[in-house]
């Protein structure tokens, strides 16, 4: 009996299988694009709502010449800080300090503090700062002229602002104008933002005979 031996042959796949296109590169590209767009949208949303500036842990007494300041501490009903009361007079100028903290995950740049509108009766402007508040010899000294500075994440800086009572200010005797927060401009990831910062102290300016209209 004769036998015939043949070498093994590679089975032929059906045409539909052999020529099926590979879709995975396109799927990877689509997935990467979706992930990128999601990241961009999330980042834009975070920037639109982020408020990294928070009240700091240090507050200071008001300073200035010929001032009669009454100061009391407040620690009740979840409120912690101080109240400083000053009799008002036209042309009065004084300064006070407070600290701010960057509560966000990235560094920010403090650009400006205060209100510079000449029409304001009580304009407030930054005059000094200490970018690293707890640098030696301590938080009470080391302030220099204010200029924009970077504040790292979870760090505190000291700010000093000047308050000026306009010479045409008109406040009835015993009336009060209260300053407890100030506007602050900063940049985060290149985006300029505006916010209001609680200074940790309420300043009560009380109208006197000098300011009565």
N, C-alpha and C. Protein backbone atom coordinates (compact mmCIF):
# COMPACT_ATOMS: atom_id res chain seq x y z
N UNK A 1 0.86 -1.18 0.00
CA UNK A 1 0.00 0.00 0.00
C UNK A 1 0.89 1.22 0.00
N UNK A 2 0.55 2.12 -0.85
CA UNK A 2 1.35 3.33 -0.93
C UNK A 2 0.67 4.44 -0.12
N UNK A 3 1.50 5.25 0.45
CA UNK A 3 0.99 6.41 1.20
C UNK A 3 1.64 7.66 0.64
N UNK A 4 0.95 8.77 0.78
CA UNK A 4 1.46 10.04 0.29
C UNK A 4 1.60 11.02 1.45
N UNK A 5 2.79 11.48 1.62
CA UNK A 5 3.02 12.44 2.72
C UNK A 5 3.09 13.85 2.17
N UNK A 6 2.41 14.79 2.83
CA UNK A 6 2.43 16.21 2.43
C UNK A 6 2.84 17.06 3.64
N UNK A 7 3.62 18.08 3.35
CA UNK A 7 4.00 18.98 4.47
C UNK A 7 2.77 19.70 5.02
N UNK A 8 2.76 19.99 6.32
CA UNK A 8 1.60 20.70 6.90
C UNK A 8 1.42 22.06 6.24
N UNK A 9 0.21 22.46 6.08
CA UNK A 9 -0.08 23.76 5.47
C UNK A 9 -0.76 24.68 6.48
N UNK A 10 -0.47 25.96 6.32
CA UNK A 10 -1.10 26.97 7.18
C UNK A 10 -2.55 27.13 6.78
N UNK A 11 -3.44 26.96 7.71
CA UNK A 11 -4.86 27.10 7.34
C UNK A 11 -5.16 28.50 6.84
N UNK A 12 -5.98 28.59 5.89
CA UNK A 12 -6.35 29.89 5.32
C UNK A 12 -7.55 30.44 6.08
N UNK A 13 -7.38 31.71 6.58
CA UNK A 13 -8.48 32.34 7.29
C UNK A 13 -9.50 32.87 6.29
N UNK A 14 -10.72 32.93 6.69
CA UNK A 14 -11.72 33.53 5.81
C UNK A 14 -11.34 34.96 5.48
N UNK A 15 -11.71 35.42 4.31
CA UNK A 15 -11.34 36.77 3.87
C UNK A 15 -11.83 37.84 4.82
N UNK A 16 -13.03 37.61 5.34
CA UNK A 16 -13.61 38.63 6.24
C UNK A 16 -12.78 38.80 7.49
N UNK A 17 -12.13 37.72 7.96
CA UNK A 17 -11.30 37.80 9.15
C UNK A 17 -9.93 38.34 8.81
N UNK A 18 -9.36 37.88 7.71
CA UNK A 18 -7.99 38.27 7.35
C UNK A 18 -7.89 39.76 7.07
N UNK A 19 -8.93 40.34 6.52
CA UNK A 19 -8.85 41.73 6.11
C UNK A 19 -9.59 42.66 7.08
N UNK A 20 -9.95 42.17 8.26
CA UNK A 20 -10.66 43.02 9.22
C UNK A 20 -9.74 44.14 9.70
N UNK A 21 -10.15 45.40 9.61
CA UNK A 21 -9.29 46.52 10.03
C UNK A 21 -9.09 46.54 11.54
N UNK A 22 -7.96 47.09 11.96
CA UNK A 22 -7.67 47.22 13.39
C UNK A 22 -8.15 48.58 13.88
N UNK A 23 -9.05 48.54 14.86
CA UNK A 23 -9.66 49.79 15.34
C UNK A 23 -8.98 50.35 16.59
N UNK A 24 -8.09 49.61 17.23
CA UNK A 24 -7.61 50.09 18.54
C UNK A 24 -6.82 51.39 18.49
N UNK A 25 -6.02 51.72 17.44
CA UNK A 25 -5.33 53.03 17.47
C UNK A 25 -6.32 54.19 17.49
N UNK A 26 -7.40 54.08 16.71
CA UNK A 26 -8.39 55.15 16.68
C UNK A 26 -9.08 55.29 18.04
N UNK A 27 -9.35 54.16 18.67
CA UNK A 27 -9.99 54.19 19.98
C UNK A 27 -9.09 54.84 21.03
N UNK A 28 -7.81 54.55 20.95
CA UNK A 28 -6.86 55.16 21.89
C UNK A 28 -6.82 56.67 21.69
N UNK A 29 -6.82 57.12 20.42
CA UNK A 29 -6.80 58.55 20.12
C UNK A 29 -8.05 59.24 20.65
N UNK A 30 -9.20 58.60 20.43
CA UNK A 30 -10.46 59.18 20.92
C UNK A 30 -10.46 59.25 22.43
N UNK A 31 -9.98 58.17 23.08
CA UNK A 31 -9.93 58.16 24.54
C UNK A 31 -9.02 59.24 25.09
N UNK A 32 -7.86 59.42 24.46
CA UNK A 32 -6.92 60.45 24.91
C UNK A 32 -7.50 61.84 24.73
N UNK A 33 -8.22 62.05 23.62
CA UNK A 33 -8.83 63.35 23.37
C UNK A 33 -9.90 63.66 24.41
N UNK A 34 -10.73 62.66 24.70
CA UNK A 34 -11.77 62.85 25.72
C UNK A 34 -11.16 63.16 27.08
N UNK A 35 -10.08 62.46 27.43
CA UNK A 35 -9.41 62.69 28.71
C UNK A 35 -8.83 64.09 28.77
N UNK A 36 -8.24 64.54 27.65
CA UNK A 36 -7.66 65.89 27.62
C UNK A 36 -8.74 66.95 27.77
N UNK A 37 -9.84 66.78 27.05
CA UNK A 37 -10.94 67.74 27.14
C UNK A 37 -11.54 67.77 28.54
N UNK A 38 -11.66 66.61 29.15
CA UNK A 38 -12.19 66.54 30.51
C UNK A 38 -11.28 67.27 31.49
N UNK A 39 -9.96 67.08 31.31
CA UNK A 39 -8.99 67.76 32.17
C UNK A 39 -9.06 69.27 31.99
N UNK A 40 -9.19 69.72 30.74
CA UNK A 40 -9.27 71.16 30.47
C UNK A 40 -10.52 71.76 31.10
N UNK A 41 -11.64 71.07 30.93
CA UNK A 41 -12.90 71.57 31.51
C UNK A 41 -12.82 71.60 33.03
N UNK A 42 -12.25 70.55 33.62
CA UNK A 42 -12.13 70.50 35.09
C UNK A 42 -11.22 71.62 35.58
N UNK A 43 -10.12 71.85 34.84
CA UNK A 43 -9.20 72.93 35.23
C UNK A 43 -9.84 74.29 35.12
N UNK A 44 -10.61 74.50 34.03
CA UNK A 44 -11.29 75.79 33.86
C UNK A 44 -12.34 76.00 34.94
N UNK A 45 -13.05 74.95 35.29
CA UNK A 45 -14.05 75.04 36.36
C UNK A 45 -13.39 75.37 37.69
N UNK A 46 -12.26 74.71 37.96
CA UNK A 46 -11.54 74.97 39.22
C UNK A 46 -11.07 76.42 39.27
N UNK A 47 -10.52 76.93 38.16
CA UNK A 47 -10.05 78.31 38.14
C UNK A 47 -11.19 79.29 38.32
N UNK A 48 -12.36 78.94 37.77
CA UNK A 48 -13.50 79.86 37.85
C UNK A 48 -14.06 79.93 39.26
N UNK A 49 -13.84 78.91 40.06
CA UNK A 49 -14.45 78.86 41.39
C UNK A 49 -13.44 78.85 42.53
N UNK A 50 -12.17 78.79 42.23
CA UNK A 50 -11.17 78.67 43.28
C UNK A 50 -11.11 79.93 44.14
N UNK A 51 -11.00 79.76 45.42
CA UNK A 51 -10.81 80.86 46.37
C UNK A 51 -9.69 80.44 47.32
N UNK A 52 -8.44 80.48 46.87
CA UNK A 52 -7.35 79.99 47.72
C UNK A 52 -6.96 80.93 48.85
N UNK A 53 -7.33 82.21 48.74
CA UNK A 53 -6.95 83.17 49.77
C UNK A 53 -7.83 83.00 51.00
N UNK A 54 -7.18 82.83 52.15
CA UNK A 54 -7.91 82.63 53.39
C UNK A 54 -7.34 83.56 54.46
N UNK A 55 -8.12 83.81 55.47
CA UNK A 55 -7.68 84.62 56.60
C UNK A 55 -6.50 83.94 57.29
N UNK A 56 -5.51 84.72 57.65
CA UNK A 56 -4.33 84.19 58.33
C UNK A 56 -4.54 84.03 59.82
N UNK A 57 -3.48 83.68 60.51
CA UNK A 57 -3.56 83.37 61.95
C UNK A 57 -3.10 84.51 62.84
N UNK A 58 -2.64 85.61 62.25
CA UNK A 58 -2.08 86.70 63.03
C UNK A 58 -2.81 88.00 62.72
N UNK A 59 -3.14 88.77 63.77
CA UNK A 59 -3.73 90.10 63.63
C UNK A 59 -2.93 91.07 64.49
N UNK A 60 -3.01 92.34 64.16
CA UNK A 60 -2.18 93.35 64.82
C UNK A 60 -3.04 94.52 65.27
N UNK A 61 -2.49 95.32 66.17
CA UNK A 61 -3.16 96.52 66.63
C UNK A 61 -2.96 97.65 65.62
N UNK A 62 -3.91 98.57 65.59
CA UNK A 62 -3.81 99.74 64.73
C UNK A 62 -2.66 100.64 65.22
N UNK A 63 -1.94 101.22 64.26
CA UNK A 63 -0.87 102.14 64.63
C UNK A 63 -1.07 103.48 63.91
N UNK A 64 -0.60 104.53 64.53
CA UNK A 64 -0.71 105.87 63.95
C UNK A 64 -0.52 106.91 65.03
N UNK A 65 -0.25 108.14 64.61
CA UNK A 65 -0.01 109.21 65.58
C UNK A 65 -1.33 109.81 66.08
N UNK A 66 -1.34 110.16 67.34
CA UNK A 66 -2.48 110.86 67.97
C UNK A 66 -3.78 110.08 67.81
N UNK A 67 -3.69 108.78 68.00
CA UNK A 67 -4.88 107.94 67.90
C UNK A 67 -5.36 107.52 69.28
N UNK A 68 -6.66 107.48 69.44
CA UNK A 68 -7.24 106.94 70.67
C UNK A 68 -8.01 105.68 70.27
N UNK A 69 -7.36 104.54 70.43
CA UNK A 69 -7.92 103.28 69.96
C UNK A 69 -8.39 102.44 71.15
N UNK A 70 -9.62 101.99 71.07
CA UNK A 70 -10.15 101.06 72.06
C UNK A 70 -10.20 99.67 71.40
N UNK A 71 -9.59 98.71 72.06
CA UNK A 71 -9.48 97.37 71.46
C UNK A 71 -10.06 96.32 72.40
N UNK A 72 -10.84 95.41 71.83
CA UNK A 72 -11.36 94.28 72.61
C UNK A 72 -11.35 93.02 71.76
N UNK A 73 -11.17 91.90 72.41
CA UNK A 73 -11.14 90.61 71.72
C UNK A 73 -12.53 90.00 71.69
N UNK A 74 -12.80 89.23 70.64
CA UNK A 74 -14.09 88.57 70.47
C UNK A 74 -13.84 87.08 70.25
N UNK A 75 -14.49 86.26 71.06
CA UNK A 75 -14.41 84.81 70.91
C UNK A 75 -15.72 84.22 71.38
N UNK A 76 -16.75 84.29 70.52
CA UNK A 76 -18.08 83.83 70.90
C UNK A 76 -18.87 83.49 69.66
N UNK A 77 -19.73 82.47 69.76
CA UNK A 77 -20.64 82.07 68.69
C UNK A 77 -19.90 81.82 67.38
N UNK A 78 -18.72 81.21 67.47
CA UNK A 78 -17.96 80.87 66.28
C UNK A 78 -17.18 82.01 65.68
N UNK A 79 -17.20 83.17 66.32
CA UNK A 79 -16.48 84.34 65.82
C UNK A 79 -15.25 84.56 66.68
N UNK A 80 -14.10 84.66 66.02
CA UNK A 80 -12.84 84.87 66.72
C UNK A 80 -12.08 86.00 66.05
N UNK A 81 -11.72 87.01 66.83
CA UNK A 81 -10.99 88.15 66.27
C UNK A 81 -10.95 89.29 67.26
N UNK A 82 -10.88 90.51 66.73
CA UNK A 82 -10.83 91.67 67.61
C UNK A 82 -11.64 92.80 67.01
N UNK A 83 -12.04 93.73 67.87
CA UNK A 83 -12.75 94.93 67.46
C UNK A 83 -11.94 96.12 67.93
N UNK A 84 -11.59 97.01 66.99
CA UNK A 84 -10.81 98.20 67.32
C UNK A 84 -11.63 99.44 66.94
N UNK A 85 -11.86 100.29 67.90
CA UNK A 85 -12.73 101.45 67.70
C UNK A 85 -11.90 102.75 67.75
N UNK A 86 -12.17 103.63 66.77
CA UNK A 86 -11.42 104.89 66.66
C UNK A 86 -12.39 106.04 66.44
N UNK A 87 -12.27 107.12 67.21
CA UNK A 87 -13.04 108.33 66.90
C UNK A 87 -12.55 108.90 65.56
N UNK A 88 -13.48 109.24 64.70
CA UNK A 88 -13.12 109.69 63.35
C UNK A 88 -12.91 111.21 63.31
N UNK A 89 -12.00 111.61 62.45
CA UNK A 89 -11.83 113.03 62.14
C UNK A 89 -11.38 113.13 60.69
N UNK A 90 -11.70 114.22 60.07
CA UNK A 90 -11.35 114.41 58.66
C UNK A 90 -9.84 114.50 58.50
N UNK A 91 -9.34 113.81 57.47
CA UNK A 91 -7.89 113.81 57.23
C UNK A 91 -7.13 112.78 58.05
N UNK A 92 -7.83 112.02 58.89
CA UNK A 92 -7.18 111.00 59.72
C UNK A 92 -6.56 109.91 58.85
N UNK A 93 -5.34 109.52 59.19
CA UNK A 93 -4.66 108.43 58.48
C UNK A 93 -4.07 107.48 59.51
N UNK A 94 -4.27 106.18 59.29
CA UNK A 94 -3.67 105.18 60.17
C UNK A 94 -3.40 103.91 59.37
N UNK A 95 -2.60 103.03 59.93
CA UNK A 95 -2.29 101.75 59.28
C UNK A 95 -2.63 100.59 60.22
N UNK A 96 -2.88 99.45 59.63
CA UNK A 96 -3.02 98.23 60.44
C UNK A 96 -2.58 97.04 59.59
N UNK A 97 -2.22 95.99 60.29
CA UNK A 97 -1.69 94.80 59.64
C UNK A 97 -2.60 93.59 59.88
N UNK A 98 -2.48 92.63 58.99
CA UNK A 98 -3.16 91.35 59.13
C UNK A 98 -2.41 90.34 58.28
N UNK A 99 -2.73 89.08 58.43
CA UNK A 99 -2.05 88.05 57.64
C UNK A 99 -3.05 87.31 56.78
N UNK A 100 -2.55 86.77 55.66
CA UNK A 100 -3.37 85.97 54.75
C UNK A 100 -2.64 84.65 54.50
N UNK A 101 -3.42 83.63 54.17
CA UNK A 101 -2.85 82.30 53.92
C UNK A 101 -3.30 81.79 52.55
N UNK A 102 -2.38 81.14 51.87
CA UNK A 102 -2.73 80.47 50.61
C UNK A 102 -3.21 79.07 50.95
N UNK A 103 -4.52 78.87 50.91
CA UNK A 103 -5.10 77.56 51.25
C UNK A 103 -5.22 76.66 50.03
N UNK A 104 -4.75 77.12 48.87
CA UNK A 104 -4.85 76.32 47.65
C UNK A 104 -3.66 75.41 47.45
N UNK A 105 -3.71 74.54 46.42
CA UNK A 105 -2.64 73.56 46.19
C UNK A 105 -1.47 74.08 45.36
N UNK A 106 -1.60 75.29 44.78
CA UNK A 106 -0.53 75.83 43.93
C UNK A 106 -0.16 77.24 44.40
N UNK A 107 1.05 77.71 44.07
CA UNK A 107 1.44 79.07 44.46
C UNK A 107 0.55 80.12 43.80
N UNK A 108 0.39 81.25 44.46
CA UNK A 108 -0.33 82.38 43.89
C UNK A 108 0.54 83.62 44.01
N UNK A 109 0.19 84.66 43.27
CA UNK A 109 0.92 85.93 43.34
C UNK A 109 -0.02 87.01 43.83
N UNK A 110 0.30 87.62 44.96
CA UNK A 110 -0.49 88.74 45.48
C UNK A 110 -0.11 89.97 44.67
N UNK A 111 -1.07 90.53 43.96
CA UNK A 111 -0.81 91.64 43.04
C UNK A 111 -1.10 92.99 43.67
N UNK A 112 -2.24 93.10 44.36
CA UNK A 112 -2.63 94.40 44.91
C UNK A 112 -3.63 94.19 46.04
N UNK A 113 -3.71 95.19 46.91
CA UNK A 113 -4.64 95.14 48.04
C UNK A 113 -5.25 96.53 48.20
N UNK A 114 -6.56 96.58 48.44
CA UNK A 114 -7.18 97.85 48.77
C UNK A 114 -8.05 98.44 47.68
N UNK A 115 -8.54 99.65 47.98
CA UNK A 115 -9.40 100.42 47.08
C UNK A 115 -8.69 101.74 46.78
N UNK A 116 -8.49 102.03 45.50
CA UNK A 116 -7.70 103.20 45.14
C UNK A 116 -8.54 104.33 44.52
N UNK A 117 -9.85 104.16 44.53
CA UNK A 117 -10.74 105.15 43.94
C UNK A 117 -10.69 106.44 44.76
N UNK A 118 -10.33 107.55 44.11
CA UNK A 118 -10.21 108.83 44.81
C UNK A 118 -11.56 109.32 45.33
N UNK A 119 -12.65 108.78 44.81
CA UNK A 119 -13.98 109.21 45.26
C UNK A 119 -14.39 108.52 46.56
N UNK A 120 -13.64 107.52 46.99
CA UNK A 120 -13.96 106.81 48.21
C UNK A 120 -13.74 107.70 49.44
N UNK A 121 -14.66 107.62 50.38
CA UNK A 121 -14.51 108.39 51.63
C UNK A 121 -13.44 107.79 52.52
N UNK A 122 -13.31 106.44 52.45
CA UNK A 122 -12.30 105.74 53.27
C UNK A 122 -11.44 104.85 52.37
N UNK A 123 -10.59 105.45 51.54
CA UNK A 123 -9.75 104.62 50.67
C UNK A 123 -8.73 103.81 51.47
N UNK A 124 -8.49 102.59 51.01
CA UNK A 124 -7.55 101.68 51.67
C UNK A 124 -6.52 101.24 50.63
N UNK A 125 -5.24 101.27 50.98
CA UNK A 125 -4.21 100.83 50.04
C UNK A 125 -3.09 100.12 50.78
N UNK A 126 -2.47 99.17 50.09
CA UNK A 126 -1.35 98.43 50.68
C UNK A 126 -0.11 99.30 50.72
N UNK A 127 0.60 99.26 51.85
CA UNK A 127 1.83 100.05 51.96
C UNK A 127 3.04 99.18 52.29
N UNK A 128 2.83 97.99 52.86
CA UNK A 128 3.96 97.13 53.24
C UNK A 128 3.53 95.67 53.25
N UNK A 129 4.52 94.78 53.21
CA UNK A 129 4.22 93.35 53.23
C UNK A 129 5.43 92.58 53.75
N UNK A 130 5.15 91.38 54.24
CA UNK A 130 6.19 90.43 54.61
C UNK A 130 5.78 89.09 54.01
N UNK A 131 6.34 88.75 52.83
CA UNK A 131 5.91 87.53 52.12
C UNK A 131 6.05 86.24 52.91
N UNK A 132 7.10 86.12 53.72
CA UNK A 132 7.27 84.94 54.57
C UNK A 132 7.07 85.39 56.00
N UNK A 133 5.83 85.28 56.47
CA UNK A 133 5.45 85.90 57.74
C UNK A 133 6.26 85.40 58.93
N UNK A 134 6.55 84.10 58.97
CA UNK A 134 7.18 83.52 60.16
C UNK A 134 8.70 83.40 60.02
N UNK A 135 9.25 84.05 59.03
CA UNK A 135 10.70 84.10 58.92
C UNK A 135 11.27 84.86 60.11
N UNK A 136 12.42 84.44 60.58
CA UNK A 136 13.06 85.12 61.71
C UNK A 136 13.31 86.59 61.38
N UNK A 137 13.16 87.47 62.38
CA UNK A 137 13.02 87.22 63.82
C UNK A 137 11.58 87.07 64.31
N UNK A 138 10.59 87.02 63.42
CA UNK A 138 9.23 86.79 63.87
C UNK A 138 8.23 87.59 63.06
N UNK A 139 6.92 87.35 63.28
CA UNK A 139 5.89 87.97 62.46
C UNK A 139 5.65 89.45 62.73
N UNK A 140 6.28 90.01 63.75
CA UNK A 140 6.02 91.41 64.09
C UNK A 140 6.96 92.38 63.37
N UNK A 141 8.07 91.88 62.83
CA UNK A 141 9.05 92.76 62.19
C UNK A 141 9.43 92.19 60.83
N UNK A 142 10.16 93.01 60.06
CA UNK A 142 10.64 92.54 58.76
C UNK A 142 9.75 92.93 57.59
N UNK A 143 8.79 93.82 57.80
CA UNK A 143 7.94 94.28 56.71
C UNK A 143 8.71 95.25 55.83
N UNK A 144 8.49 95.15 54.51
CA UNK A 144 9.11 96.07 53.57
C UNK A 144 8.05 96.68 52.68
N UNK A 145 8.42 97.67 51.86
CA UNK A 145 7.44 98.30 50.96
C UNK A 145 6.70 97.27 50.11
N UNK A 146 5.42 97.48 49.95
CA UNK A 146 4.61 96.51 49.21
C UNK A 146 4.95 96.50 47.73
N UNK A 147 5.08 95.30 47.20
CA UNK A 147 5.18 95.05 45.77
C UNK A 147 4.67 93.63 45.54
N UNK A 148 4.20 93.31 44.33
CA UNK A 148 3.67 91.95 44.08
C UNK A 148 4.66 90.88 44.50
N UNK A 149 4.14 89.82 45.12
CA UNK A 149 5.01 88.73 45.59
C UNK A 149 4.28 87.40 45.48
N UNK A 150 5.06 86.34 45.42
CA UNK A 150 4.49 84.99 45.33
C UNK A 150 4.29 84.41 46.72
N UNK A 151 3.16 83.75 46.90
CA UNK A 151 2.83 83.11 48.17
C UNK A 151 2.64 81.61 47.92
N UNK A 152 3.56 80.78 48.42
CA UNK A 152 3.45 79.33 48.19
C UNK A 152 2.23 78.73 48.87
N UNK A 153 1.88 77.53 48.46
CA UNK A 153 0.76 76.82 49.05
C UNK A 153 0.97 76.60 50.55
N UNK A 154 -0.11 76.83 51.33
CA UNK A 154 -0.13 76.61 52.77
C UNK A 154 0.87 77.49 53.52
N UNK A 155 1.19 78.65 52.96
CA UNK A 155 2.08 79.61 53.62
C UNK A 155 1.32 80.89 53.91
N UNK A 156 1.81 81.64 54.91
CA UNK A 156 1.18 82.90 55.29
C UNK A 156 2.08 84.09 54.98
N UNK A 157 1.44 85.21 54.67
CA UNK A 157 2.15 86.46 54.44
C UNK A 157 1.50 87.55 55.27
N UNK A 158 2.28 88.54 55.66
CA UNK A 158 1.76 89.68 56.39
C UNK A 158 1.52 90.85 55.45
N UNK A 159 0.42 91.57 55.64
CA UNK A 159 0.11 92.74 54.84
C UNK A 159 -0.16 93.93 55.74
N UNK A 160 0.26 95.09 55.31
CA UNK A 160 -0.02 96.33 56.04
C UNK A 160 -0.74 97.29 55.09
N UNK A 161 -1.89 97.78 55.53
CA UNK A 161 -2.67 98.69 54.70
C UNK A 161 -2.86 100.02 55.43
N UNK A 162 -3.05 101.05 54.62
CA UNK A 162 -3.28 102.39 55.17
C UNK A 162 -4.72 102.81 54.88
N UNK A 163 -5.37 103.35 55.90
CA UNK A 163 -6.73 103.87 55.77
C UNK A 163 -6.68 105.39 55.92
N UNK A 164 -7.35 106.08 55.00
CA UNK A 164 -7.36 107.55 55.05
C UNK A 164 -8.79 108.05 55.04
N UNK A 165 -9.11 108.93 55.98
CA UNK A 165 -10.43 109.54 56.03
C UNK A 165 -10.40 110.81 55.18
N UNK A 166 -11.26 110.87 54.19
CA UNK A 166 -11.26 112.03 53.28
C UNK A 166 -11.53 113.33 54.03
N UNK A 167 -11.01 114.42 53.48
CA UNK A 167 -11.17 115.73 54.15
C UNK A 167 -12.58 116.27 54.00
N UNK A 168 -13.37 115.67 53.14
CA UNK A 168 -14.78 116.07 53.02
C UNK A 168 -15.72 114.99 53.55
N UNK A 169 -15.19 114.08 54.37
CA UNK A 169 -16.01 113.00 54.93
C UNK A 169 -17.17 113.57 55.73
N UNK A 170 -18.32 112.93 55.64
CA UNK A 170 -19.51 113.40 56.34
C UNK A 170 -20.14 112.23 57.09
N UNK A 171 -19.93 112.18 58.39
CA UNK A 171 -20.51 111.14 59.24
C UNK A 171 -21.14 111.79 60.45
N UNK A 172 -22.40 111.47 60.69
CA UNK A 172 -23.12 112.02 61.84
C UNK A 172 -22.44 111.55 63.12
N UNK A 173 -22.45 112.37 64.11
CA UNK A 173 -21.83 112.02 65.39
C UNK A 173 -22.42 110.72 65.94
N UNK A 174 -21.55 109.84 66.38
CA UNK A 174 -21.86 108.52 66.95
C UNK A 174 -22.28 107.48 65.90
N UNK A 175 -22.34 107.86 64.64
CA UNK A 175 -22.57 106.85 63.61
C UNK A 175 -21.27 106.07 63.40
N UNK A 176 -21.36 104.91 62.77
CA UNK A 176 -20.17 104.07 62.62
C UNK A 176 -20.00 103.61 61.17
N UNK A 177 -18.75 103.54 60.74
CA UNK A 177 -18.38 102.89 59.49
C UNK A 177 -17.43 101.75 59.87
N UNK A 178 -17.74 100.53 59.41
CA UNK A 178 -16.99 99.35 59.84
C UNK A 178 -16.19 98.78 58.67
N UNK A 179 -14.90 98.56 58.92
CA UNK A 179 -14.04 97.89 57.95
C UNK A 179 -13.64 96.55 58.56
N UNK A 180 -14.02 95.45 57.89
CA UNK A 180 -13.65 94.12 58.41
C UNK A 180 -13.05 93.22 57.34
N UNK A 181 -13.12 93.66 56.09
CA UNK A 181 -12.46 92.94 55.02
C UNK A 181 -12.02 93.93 53.95
N UNK A 182 -11.05 93.52 53.14
CA UNK A 182 -10.51 94.39 52.10
C UNK A 182 -10.42 93.62 50.79
N UNK A 183 -10.52 94.33 49.65
CA UNK A 183 -10.39 93.66 48.36
C UNK A 183 -8.93 93.30 48.08
N UNK A 184 -8.72 92.18 47.42
CA UNK A 184 -7.37 91.71 47.14
C UNK A 184 -7.34 91.14 45.71
N UNK A 185 -6.31 91.50 44.96
CA UNK A 185 -6.13 90.99 43.60
C UNK A 185 -4.94 90.03 43.59
N UNK A 186 -5.11 88.88 42.95
CA UNK A 186 -4.03 87.90 42.91
C UNK A 186 -4.07 87.15 41.58
N UNK A 187 -2.99 86.44 41.27
CA UNK A 187 -2.92 85.60 40.08
C UNK A 187 -2.69 84.16 40.48
N UNK A 188 -3.42 83.25 39.84
CA UNK A 188 -3.25 81.82 40.06
C UNK A 188 -3.18 81.15 38.70
N UNK A 189 -2.08 80.44 38.43
CA UNK A 189 -1.86 79.77 37.14
C UNK A 189 -2.03 80.74 35.98
N UNK A 190 -1.55 81.99 36.19
CA UNK A 190 -1.59 82.98 35.14
C UNK A 190 -2.90 83.72 34.99
N UNK A 191 -3.91 83.35 35.77
CA UNK A 191 -5.23 83.98 35.68
C UNK A 191 -5.39 84.97 36.83
N UNK A 192 -5.79 86.21 36.51
CA UNK A 192 -5.97 87.24 37.53
C UNK A 192 -7.35 87.11 38.16
N UNK A 193 -7.37 87.10 39.48
CA UNK A 193 -8.63 86.95 40.23
C UNK A 193 -8.76 88.08 41.24
N UNK A 194 -10.01 88.36 41.63
CA UNK A 194 -10.29 89.38 42.64
C UNK A 194 -11.12 88.74 43.76
N UNK A 195 -10.80 89.09 44.98
CA UNK A 195 -11.49 88.49 46.11
C UNK A 195 -11.55 89.50 47.25
N UNK A 196 -12.28 89.14 48.30
CA UNK A 196 -12.33 89.92 49.53
C UNK A 196 -11.77 89.06 50.65
N UNK A 197 -10.92 89.64 51.47
CA UNK A 197 -10.28 88.86 52.53
C UNK A 197 -10.67 89.40 53.90
N UNK A 198 -11.08 88.51 54.75
CA UNK A 198 -11.39 88.84 56.14
C UNK A 198 -10.08 89.13 56.87
N UNK A 199 -9.96 90.30 57.47
CA UNK A 199 -8.70 90.69 58.11
C UNK A 199 -8.55 90.17 59.53
N UNK A 200 -9.63 89.62 60.09
CA UNK A 200 -9.54 89.12 61.46
C UNK A 200 -9.76 90.18 62.51
N UNK A 201 -10.02 91.40 62.08
CA UNK A 201 -10.32 92.47 63.03
C UNK A 201 -11.36 93.40 62.43
N UNK A 202 -12.29 93.87 63.26
CA UNK A 202 -13.27 94.86 62.83
C UNK A 202 -12.80 96.23 63.29
N UNK A 203 -12.72 97.16 62.36
CA UNK A 203 -12.34 98.52 62.70
C UNK A 203 -13.59 99.38 62.65
N UNK A 204 -13.97 99.93 63.79
CA UNK A 204 -15.16 100.77 63.90
C UNK A 204 -14.71 102.23 63.93
N UNK A 205 -15.01 102.95 62.88
CA UNK A 205 -14.72 104.39 62.81
C UNK A 205 -15.98 105.12 63.23
N UNK A 206 -15.91 105.84 64.33
CA UNK A 206 -17.09 106.47 64.92
C UNK A 206 -17.10 107.96 64.58
N UNK A 207 -18.26 108.41 64.03
CA UNK A 207 -18.41 109.82 63.69
C UNK A 207 -18.33 110.73 64.91
N UNK A 208 -17.77 111.90 64.75
CA UNK A 208 -17.59 112.87 65.84
C UNK A 208 -18.12 114.24 65.41
N UNK A 209 -17.96 115.22 66.27
CA UNK A 209 -18.34 116.58 65.93
C UNK A 209 -17.57 117.06 64.70
N UNK A 210 -16.34 116.58 64.55
CA UNK A 210 -15.49 117.02 63.43
C UNK A 210 -16.04 116.53 62.09
N UNK A 211 -16.73 115.38 62.08
CA UNK A 211 -17.20 114.84 60.80
C UNK A 211 -18.67 115.11 60.54
N UNK A 212 -19.34 115.76 61.48
CA UNK A 212 -20.77 116.05 61.29
C UNK A 212 -20.96 117.09 60.19
N UNK A 213 -21.89 116.81 59.30
CA UNK A 213 -22.14 117.71 58.17
C UNK A 213 -23.00 118.90 58.59
